[in-house]
Amino acid sequence: EQVAVDAAVGRISCESIASYPPGVPALLPGERIGAETIAYLRELADSGARLHGASDPNFETINVLAEEGG
């Protein structure tokens, strides 16, 4: 499911997101999303880095694993 980035903390990522430059993945599918990762990716996006693999180029939403019963 697609959720707001701030609501993704603690959820499981369905996206692989790497900033370019340098091109190193910051988030991989199956990884639990931490507040530090969100802050890092937001800082990169705000500085003009491209978030390769992000479904939302503005980094306002992110795809996460749907919660059971949700």
Protein backbone atom coordinates (compact mmCIF):
# COMPACT_ATOMS: atom_id res chain seq x y z
CA GLU A 1 0.00 0.00 0.00
CA GLN A 2 1.06 3.59 -0.53
CA VAL A 3 1.36 5.72 2.61
CA ALA A 4 2.66 9.16 3.53
CA VAL A 5 6.41 9.08 4.21
CA ASP A 6 5.94 10.13 7.85
CA ALA A 7 3.46 7.26 8.38
CA ALA A 8 5.97 4.73 6.98
CA VAL A 9 8.21 4.64 10.06
CA GLY A 10 8.16 1.10 11.45
CA ARG A 11 6.59 -0.35 8.29
CA ILE A 12 8.21 -2.76 5.82
CA SER A 13 9.49 -1.18 2.59
CA CYS A 14 8.40 -2.44 -0.82
CA GLU A 15 10.83 -0.08 -2.55
CA SER A 16 14.53 0.04 -3.22
CA ILE A 17 15.64 3.66 -2.96
CA ALA A 18 19.12 4.92 -3.71
CA SER A 19 20.18 8.54 -3.92
CA TYR A 20 22.03 9.60 -7.01
CA PRO A 21 24.70 10.69 -6.48
CA PRO A 22 26.29 8.55 -5.00
CA GLY A 23 23.99 5.66 -6.00
CA VAL A 24 24.25 3.67 -2.78
CA PRO A 25 20.92 2.12 -1.66
CA ALA A 26 19.54 3.66 1.52
CA LEU A 27 16.43 1.45 1.65
CA LEU A 28 15.73 -2.03 0.29
CA PRO A 29 12.55 -4.09 -0.09
CA GLY A 30 11.81 -6.08 3.06
CA GLU A 31 13.65 -3.62 5.29
CA ARG A 32 11.88 -2.01 8.25
CA ILE A 33 11.80 1.75 7.69
CA GLY A 34 13.41 3.80 10.44
CA ALA A 35 12.95 7.48 11.24
CA GLU A 36 16.67 8.01 10.56
CA THR A 37 16.32 6.59 7.06
CA ILE A 38 13.34 8.84 6.31
CA ALA A 39 15.25 11.89 7.60
CA TYR A 40 18.30 10.96 5.51
CA LEU A 41 16.30 10.44 2.31
CA ARG A 42 14.31 13.64 2.89
CA GLU A 43 17.55 15.60 3.38
CA LEU A 44 18.93 14.18 0.14
CA ALA A 45 15.75 14.96 -1.78
CA ASP A 46 15.68 18.50 -0.38
CA SER A 47 19.30 19.03 -1.47
CA GLY A 48 18.44 18.11 -5.06
CA ALA A 49 19.66 14.51 -5.16
CA ARG A 50 17.57 12.15 -7.28
CA LEU A 51 16.00 9.26 -5.36
CA HIS A 52 16.38 6.41 -7.83
CA GLY A 53 13.73 3.73 -7.36
CA ALA A 54 11.31 5.87 -5.38
CA SER A 55 7.75 5.52 -6.71
CA ASP A 56 7.09 9.15 -5.74
CA PRO A 57 9.80 11.47 -7.10
CA ASN A 58 8.77 14.14 -4.56
CA PHE A 59 9.24 11.65 -1.70
CA GLU A 60 5.88 12.46 -0.14
CA THR A 61 4.60 8.86 -0.26
CA ILE A 62 6.23 5.43 -0.21
CA ASN A 63 5.04 1.88 -0.92
CA VAL A 64 5.03 -0.42 2.09
CA LEU A 65 3.86 -3.94 2.80
CA ALA A 66 0.14 -3.95 3.61
CA GLU A 67 -0.59 -4.72 7.22
CA GLU A 68 -2.59 -7.84 7.92
CA GLY A 69 -6.24 -7.01 8.36
CA GLY A 70 -5.68 -3.51 7.04
